[in-house]
C-alpha atoms as a PDB file:
ATOM      1  CA  MET A   1     192.239  84.472  95.539  1.00  0.00           C
ATOM      2  CA  TRP A   2     191.614  88.167  96.050  1.00  0.00           C
ATOM      3  CA  GLU A   3     194.603  90.323  95.118  1.00  0.00           C
ATOM      4  CA  LEU A   4     195.149  93.973  95.991  1.00  0.00           C
ATOM      5  CA  ASN A   5     196.202  95.457  92.668  1.00  0.00           C
ATOM      6  CA  GLU A   6     195.287  98.263  90.285  1.00  0.00           C
ATOM      7  CA  GLU A   7     192.503  96.211  88.705  1.00  0.00           C
ATOM      8  CA  PHE A   8     190.855  95.662  92.098  1.00  0.00           C
ATOM      9  CA  GLN A   9     191.269  99.361  92.890  1.00  0.00           C
ATOM     10  CA  ALA A  10     189.650 100.404  89.598  1.00  0.00           C
ATOM     11  CA  ARG A  11     186.733  97.980  89.952  1.00  0.00           C
ATOM     12  CA  LEU A  12     186.120  99.071  93.535  1.00  0.00           C
ATOM     13  CA  SER A  13     186.276 102.751  92.601  1.00  0.00           C
ATOM     14  CA  ASP A  14     183.729 102.291  89.811  1.00  0.00           C
ATOM     15  CA  ARG A  15     181.394 100.259  92.037  1.00  0.00           C
ATOM     16  CA  LEU A  16     181.417 102.846  94.835  1.00  0.00           C
ATOM     17  CA  LYS A  17     180.392 105.549  92.350  1.00  0.00           C
ATOM     18  CA  ALA A  18     177.284 103.551  91.411  1.00  0.00           C
ATOM     19  CA  PRO A  19     174.160 103.220  93.600  1.00  0.00           C
ATOM     20  CA  LEU A  20     175.053 101.325  96.780  1.00  0.00           C
ATOM     21  CA  PRO A  21     173.377  98.121  98.004  1.00  0.00           C
ATOM     22  CA  GLY A  22     172.271 100.078 101.102  1.00  0.00           C
ATOM     23  CA  VAL A  23     169.591  98.863 103.468  1.00  0.00           C
ATOM     24  CA  ASP A  24     168.829  95.699 101.514  1.00  0.00           C
ATOM     25  CA  ALA A  25     172.367  94.426 102.127  1.00  0.00           C
ATOM     26  CA  GLN A  26     172.602  95.749 105.688  1.00  0.00           C
ATOM     27  CA  ILE A  27     169.337  94.173 106.792  1.00  0.00           C
ATOM     28  CA  ARG A  28     170.544  90.652 105.944  1.00  0.00           C
ATOM     29  CA  MET A  29     172.887  90.911 108.930  1.00  0.00           C
ATOM     30  CA  SER A  30     170.574  92.884 111.224  1.00  0.00           C
ATOM     31  CA  PRO A  31     169.633  91.445 114.628  1.00  0.00           C
ATOM     32  CA  THR A  32     165.924  90.732 114.951  1.00  0.00           C
ATOM     33  CA  PRO A  33     163.913  91.034 118.153  1.00  0.00           C
ATOM     34  CA  ILE A  34     162.598  87.994 119.911  1.00  0.00           C
ATOM     35  CA  ASN A  35     160.396  90.217 122.093  1.00  0.00           C
ATOM     36  CA  GLN A  36     159.335  93.010 119.717  1.00  0.00           C
ATOM     37  CA  GLU A  37     157.997  95.478 122.313  1.00  0.00           C
ATOM     38  CA  ARG A  38     161.468  95.843 123.842  1.00  0.00           C
ATOM     39  CA  PHE A  39     163.082  96.650 120.499  1.00  0.00           C
ATOM     40  CA  ALA A  40     161.286  99.765 119.261  1.00  0.00           C
ATOM     41  CA  PHE A  41     164.367 101.803 118.319  1.00  0.00           C
ATOM     42  CA  LYS A  42     164.097 104.786 115.956  1.00  0.00           C
ATOM     43  CA  GLU A  43     166.756 107.223 114.834  1.00  0.00           C
ATOM     44  CA  ARG A  44     166.849 110.196 117.186  1.00  0.00           C
ATOM     45  CA  PRO A  45     167.212 113.775 115.912  1.00  0.00           C
ATOM     46  CA  ASP A  46     170.216 114.295 118.208  1.00  0.00           C
ATOM     47  CA  ALA A  47     172.169 111.356 116.750  1.00  0.00           C
ATOM     48  CA  LYS A  48     175.940 111.903 116.842  1.00  0.00           C
ATOM     49  CA  ALA A  49     177.995 111.690 113.651  1.00  0.00           C
ATOM     50  CA  GLY A  50     180.814 109.189 113.377  1.00  0.00           C
ATOM     51  CA  ALA A  51     182.880 107.274 110.841  1.00  0.00           C
ATOM     52  CA  VAL A  52     184.785 104.004 110.594  1.00  0.00           C
ATOM     53  CA  LEU A  53     187.587 102.938 108.265  1.00  0.00           C
ATOM     54  CA  ILE A  54     187.600  99.748 106.219  1.00  0.00           C
ATOM     55  CA  LEU A  55     191.268  99.580 105.249  1.00  0.00           C
ATOM     56  CA  PHE A  56     192.155  97.030 102.576  1.00  0.00           C
ATOM     57  CA  HIS A  57     195.802  96.003 102.594  1.00  0.00           C
ATOM     58  CA  PRO A  58     197.938  93.051 101.435  1.00  0.00           C
ATOM     59  CA  GLY A  59     197.895  90.100 103.816  1.00  0.00           C
ATOM     60  CA  THR A  60     198.664  86.402 103.921  1.00  0.00           C
ATOM     61  CA  GLY A  61     196.799  84.774 101.053  1.00  0.00           C
ATOM     62  CA  GLY A  62     195.094  87.892  99.716  1.00  0.00           C
ATOM     63  CA  ILE A  63     193.367  91.087 100.826  1.00  0.00           C
ATOM     64  CA  HIS A  64     192.867  91.802 104.521  1.00  0.00           C
ATOM     65  CA  PHE A  65     191.462  94.617 106.644  1.00  0.00           C
ATOM     66  CA  PRO A  66     191.708  95.284 110.392  1.00  0.00           C
ATOM     67  CA  LEU A  67     188.956  94.900 112.941  1.00  0.00           C
ATOM     68  CA  ILE A  68     189.373  95.746 116.599  1.00  0.00           C
ATOM     69  CA  GLN A  69     188.043  94.151 119.741  1.00  0.00           C
ATOM     70  CA  ARG A  70     187.022  96.739 122.294  1.00  0.00           C
ATOM     71  CA  PRO A  71     188.081  96.287 125.930  1.00  0.00           C
ATOM     72  CA  GLU A  72     185.510  95.385 128.556  1.00  0.00           C
ATOM     73  CA  TYR A  73     183.982  98.550 130.035  1.00  0.00           C
ATOM     74  CA  PRO A  74     180.616  99.814 131.311  1.00  0.00           C
ATOM     75  CA  GLY A  75     179.236 100.886 127.949  1.00  0.00           C
ATOM     76  CA  ALA A  76     177.130  99.983 124.929  1.00  0.00           C
ATOM     77  CA  HIS A  77     179.892  98.295 122.910  1.00  0.00           C
ATOM     78  CA  SER A  78     181.968  96.662 125.645  1.00  0.00           C
ATOM     79  CA  GLY A  79     184.074  93.796 124.302  1.00  0.00           C
ATOM     80  CA  GLN A  80     182.563  93.947 120.830  1.00  0.00           C
ATOM     81  CA  VAL A  81     184.389  93.658 117.521  1.00  0.00           C
ATOM     82  CA  SER A  82     184.225  96.708 115.272  1.00  0.00           C
ATOM     83  CA  PHE A  83     186.023  98.670 112.594  1.00  0.00           C
ATOM     84  CA  PRO A  84     188.484 101.323 113.751  1.00  0.00           C
ATOM     85  CA  GLY A  85     186.584 104.586 114.026  1.00  0.00           C
ATOM     86  CA  GLY A  86     184.776 106.996 116.269  1.00  0.00           C
ATOM     87  CA  LYS A  87     183.084 110.318 116.786  1.00  0.00           C
ATOM     88  CA  TYR A  88     183.276 113.307 114.461  1.00  0.00           C
ATOM     89  CA  GLU A  89     185.158 116.161 116.128  1.00  0.00           C
ATOM     90  CA  LYS A  90     184.823 119.855 115.300  1.00  0.00           C
ATOM     91  CA  SER A  91     188.478 119.886 114.256  1.00  0.00           C
ATOM     92  CA  ASP A  92     187.806 117.229 111.575  1.00  0.00           C
ATOM     93  CA  ARG A  93     187.486 118.541 108.013  1.00  0.00           C
ATOM     94  CA  ASP A  94     184.799 115.971 107.278  1.00  0.00           C
ATOM     95  CA  LEU A  95     183.843 112.390 108.094  1.00  0.00           C
ATOM     96  CA  LEU A  96     186.576 111.021 105.835  1.00  0.00           C
ATOM     97  CA  HIS A  97     189.052 112.834 108.063  1.00  0.00           C
ATOM     98  CA  THR A  98     187.293 111.414 111.130  1.00  0.00           C
ATOM     99  CA  ALA A  99     187.767 107.853 109.857  1.00  0.00           C
ATOM    100  CA  LEU A 100     191.451 108.387 109.042  1.00  0.00           C
ATOM    101  CA  ARG A 101     192.175 110.179 112.320  1.00  0.00           C
ATOM    102  CA  GLU A 102     190.469 107.540 114.434  1.00  0.00           C
ATOM    103  CA  ALA A 103     192.205 104.691 112.596  1.00  0.00           C
ATOM    104  CA  GLU A 104     195.553 106.355 113.188  1.00  0.00           C
ATOM    105  CA  GLU A 105     194.749 106.811 116.878  1.00  0.00           C
ATOM    106  CA  GLU A 106     193.357 103.311 117.443  1.00  0.00           C
ATOM    107  CA  VAL A 107     195.564 101.065 115.297  1.00  0.00           C
ATOM    108  CA  GLY A 108     198.403 103.309 114.101  1.00  0.00           C
ATOM    109  CA  ALA A 109     197.322 103.411 110.430  1.00  0.00           C
ATOM    110  CA  ASN A 110     199.319 106.114 108.621  1.00  0.00           C
ATOM    111  CA  PRO A 111     196.911 108.403 106.682  1.00  0.00           C
ATOM    112  CA  SER A 112     199.651 109.315 104.194  1.00  0.00           C
ATOM    113  CA  GLU A 113     199.781 105.671 103.045  1.00  0.00           C
ATOM    114  CA  ILE A 114     196.006 105.366 102.553  1.00  0.00           C
ATOM    115  CA  THR A 115     194.024 106.114  99.395  1.00  0.00           C
ATOM    116  CA  VAL A 116     190.374 106.809 100.181  1.00  0.00           C
ATOM    117  CA  MET A 117     188.223 104.998  97.616  1.00  0.00           C
ATOM    118  CA  GLY A 118     184.780 106.124  98.708  1.00  0.00           C
ATOM    119  CA  THR A 119     182.065 105.430 101.246  1.00  0.00           C
ATOM    120  CA  MET A 120     179.241 102.990 101.882  1.00  0.00           C
ATOM    121  CA  SER A 121     175.763 103.680 103.248  1.00  0.00           C
ATOM    122  CA  GLU A 122     175.404 105.393 106.614  1.00  0.00           C
ATOM    123  CA  LEU A 123     174.060 103.261 109.458  1.00  0.00           C
ATOM    124  CA  TYR A 124     172.261 104.377 112.610  1.00  0.00           C
ATOM    125  CA  ILE A 125     173.289 102.529 115.796  1.00  0.00           C
ATOM    126  CA  PRO A 126     170.570 102.816 118.473  1.00  0.00           C
ATOM    127  CA  ALA A 127     172.682 101.520 121.373  1.00  0.00           C
ATOM    128  CA  SER A 128     175.077 104.474 121.192  1.00  0.00           C
ATOM    129  CA  ASN A 129     172.907 106.937 119.217  1.00  0.00           C
ATOM    130  CA  PHE A 130     175.509 107.269 116.457  1.00  0.00           C
ATOM    131  CA  LYS A 131     174.978 107.636 112.719  1.00  0.00           C
ATOM    132  CA  VAL A 132     178.099 106.085 111.217  1.00  0.00           C
ATOM    133  CA  LEU A 133     179.637 106.508 107.772  1.00  0.00           C
ATOM    134  CA  PRO A 134     181.819 103.569 106.633  1.00  0.00           C
ATOM    135  CA  VAL A 135     184.828 104.853 104.659  1.00  0.00           C
ATOM    136  CA  ILE A 136     186.786 102.494 102.398  1.00  0.00           C
ATOM    137  CA  GLY A 137     190.524 102.955 101.942  1.00  0.00           C
ATOM    138  CA  ILE A 138     193.422 101.057 100.381  1.00  0.00           C
ATOM    139  CA  SER A 139     197.047 100.722 101.438  1.00  0.00           C
ATOM    140  CA  PHE A 140     199.282  98.914  98.949  1.00  0.00           C
ATOM    141  CA  SER A 141     201.821  98.301 101.688  1.00  0.00           C
ATOM    142  CA  THR A 142     201.059  96.189 104.748  1.00  0.00           C
ATOM    143  CA  PRO A 143     200.595  98.567 107.694  1.00  0.00           C
ATOM    144  CA  ARG A 144     202.346  97.931 110.978  1.00  0.00           C
ATOM    145  CA  PHE A 145     199.349  98.129 113.264  1.00  0.00           C
ATOM    146  CA  VAL A 146     199.773  99.108 116.907  1.00  0.00           C
ATOM    147  CA  PRO A 147     196.750  98.975 119.259  1.00  0.00           C
ATOM    148  CA  GLU A 148     195.889 101.998 121.386  1.00  0.00           C
ATOM    149  CA  GLU A 149     195.920 100.299 124.774  1.00  0.00           C
ATOM    150  CA  LYS A 150     192.942 102.127 126.309  1.00  0.00           C
ATOM    151  CA  GLU A 151     190.582 101.694 123.350  1.00  0.00           C
ATOM    152  CA  VAL A 152     191.726  98.464 121.713  1.00  0.00           C
ATOM    153  CA  ALA A 153     192.073  95.092 123.422  1.00  0.00           C
ATOM    154  CA  GLN A 154     193.177  93.317 120.245  1.00  0.00           C
ATOM    155  CA  ILE A 155     193.575  93.945 116.519  1.00  0.00           C
ATOM    156  CA  LEU A 156     192.069  91.230 114.323  1.00  0.00           C
ATOM    157  CA  SER A 157     192.926  90.613 110.671  1.00  0.00           C
ATOM    158  CA  ALA A 158     189.894  89.901 108.492  1.00  0.00           C
ATOM    159  CA  ASP A 159     190.622  87.918 105.328  1.00  0.00           C
ATOM    160  CA  VAL A 160     188.335  89.003 102.466  1.00  0.00           C
ATOM    161  CA  GLY A 161     188.465  85.594 100.795  1.00  0.00           C
ATOM    162  CA  ASN A 162     187.504  83.833 104.022  1.00  0.00           C
ATOM    163  CA  LEU A 163     184.596  86.190 104.686  1.00  0.00           C
ATOM    164  CA  MET A 164     183.282  85.779 101.141  1.00  0.00           C
ATOM    165  CA  LYS A 165     183.100  82.000 101.675  1.00  0.00           C
ATOM    166  CA  GLN A 166     181.450  82.055 105.103  1.00  0.00           C
ATOM    167  CA  GLU A 167     177.933  80.794 105.590  1.00  0.00           C
ATOM    168  CA  ILE A 168     175.964  83.260 107.693  1.00  0.00           C
ATOM    169  CA  ALA A 169     175.311  81.786 111.140  1.00  0.00           C
ATOM    170  CA  VAL A 170     172.695  82.950 113.664  1.00  0.00           C
ATOM    171  CA  LYS A 171     172.658  82.943 117.460  1.00  0.00           C
ATOM    172  CA  ASP A 172     170.331  84.150 120.223  1.00  0.00           C
ATOM    173  CA  MET A 173     171.679  86.847 122.541  1.00  0.00           C
ATOM    174  CA  ILE A 174     170.608  88.836 125.579  1.00  0.00           C
ATOM    175  CA  VAL A 175     171.789  92.429 125.098  1.00  0.00           C
ATOM    176  CA  GLY A 176     170.016  94.216 127.946  1.00  0.00           C
ATOM    177  CA  PRO A 177     167.332  93.879 130.604  1.00  0.00           C
ATOM    178  CA  ASN A 178     164.624  91.733 129.003  1.00  0.00           C
ATOM    179  CA  ILE A 179     166.020  92.451 125.512  1.00  0.00           C
ATOM    180  CA  LYS A 180     166.580  89.271 123.544  1.00  0.00           C
ATOM    181  CA  ILE A 181     167.681  89.219 119.926  1.00  0.00           C
ATOM    182  CA  ARG A 182     168.454  86.685 117.252  1.00  0.00           C
ATOM    183  CA  SER A 183     171.543  87.889 115.425  1.00  0.00           C
ATOM    184  CA  PRO A 184     173.343  86.805 112.265  1.00  0.00           C
ATOM    185  CA  PHE A 185     177.105  86.914 112.643  1.00  0.00           C
ATOM    186  CA  PHE A 186     180.458  86.408 110.952  1.00  0.00           C
ATOM    187  CA  THR A 187     183.529  84.869 112.560  1.00  0.00           C
ATOM    188  CA  VAL A 188     186.968  86.512 112.401  1.00  0.00           C
ATOM    189  CA  GLU A 189     189.845  84.849 114.265  1.00  0.00           C
ATOM    190  CA  ASP A 190     187.280  82.907 116.329  1.00  0.00           C
ATOM    191  CA  ARG A 191     185.567  86.152 117.412  1.00  0.00           C
ATOM    192  CA  VAL A 192     181.864  86.718 116.791  1.00  0.00           C
ATOM    193  CA  VAL A 193     181.195  89.803 114.651  1.00  0.00           C
ATOM    194  CA  TRP A 194     177.575  90.900 114.919  1.00  0.00           C
ATOM    195  CA  GLY A 195     175.349  93.973 115.147  1.00  0.00           C
ATOM    196  CA  ALA A 196     176.279  97.188 113.337  1.00  0.00           C
ATOM    197  CA  THR A 197     179.685  95.878 112.251  1.00  0.00           C
ATOM    198  CA  ALA A 198     178.121  92.775 110.694  1.00  0.00           C
ATOM    199  CA  MET A 199     175.527  94.964 108.953  1.00  0.00           C
ATOM    200  CA  MET A 200     178.309  97.082 107.421  1.00  0.00           C
ATOM    201  CA  LEU A 201     180.106  93.882 106.442  1.00  0.00           C
ATOM    202  CA  GLY A 202     176.910  92.707 104.770  1.00  0.00           C
ATOM    203  CA  GLU A 203     176.975  95.715 102.455  1.00  0.00           C
ATOM    204  CA  LEU A 204     180.737  95.456 101.937  1.00  0.00           C
ATOM    205  CA  LEU A 205     180.535  91.807 100.897  1.00  0.00           C
ATOM    206  CA  GLN A 206     177.744  92.604  98.438  1.00  0.00           C
ATOM    207  CA  ILE A 207     179.939  95.309  96.885  1.00  0.00           C
ATOM    208  CA  LEU A 208     182.832  92.849  96.637  1.00  0.00           C
ATOM    209  CA  GLU A 209     180.555  90.216  95.127  1.00  0.00           C
ATOM    210  CA  ASP A 210     179.534  92.765  92.491  1.00  0.00           C
ATOM    211  CA  ILE A 211     183.167  93.282  91.415  1.00  0.00           C
ATOM    212  CA  ARG A 212     184.278  89.660  91.691  1.00  0.00           C
END
């Protein structure tokens, strides 16, 4: 069982200071095109900066972190499961501040109760033209999460131990006009977690495997 204690905190801190798994870990969970010519995405020079928060906290049976399901809307990430997070604002001190601010706005996480441990590798998301920095934090108390009703349809609780045991599944999806992909995914509370969030999870789980 994974326990949130000082030993876990120290191991995680040391691992995040070392070279990160990066693309090799992300790519394991990357969707692949079924029709290649419709999937020629490259990072654009005008990509927007953003950050998400991976917030470890005590939960039933071990360490948990929140994911959110977006509401249905006319947009690139309608209904998808993601980490709390969003766009860098000029008022933010840095991307760490962006992640903490957005998590407070979206799920009510109190920044004063969070210790930032470090960051993972940035990831470019073609669908929304964002370059996202995943920030890892720890709260030794269990937060009382409250969803922001306009941005969050539901808050999910991801169990680290459960994710570490999951076999990676794959499914075919249609994500746009004539755009078909084959995507690896995780399952959290019976929700499919795929795309950029699954790619970040791929790196996170490799980091956790390294400190097991």
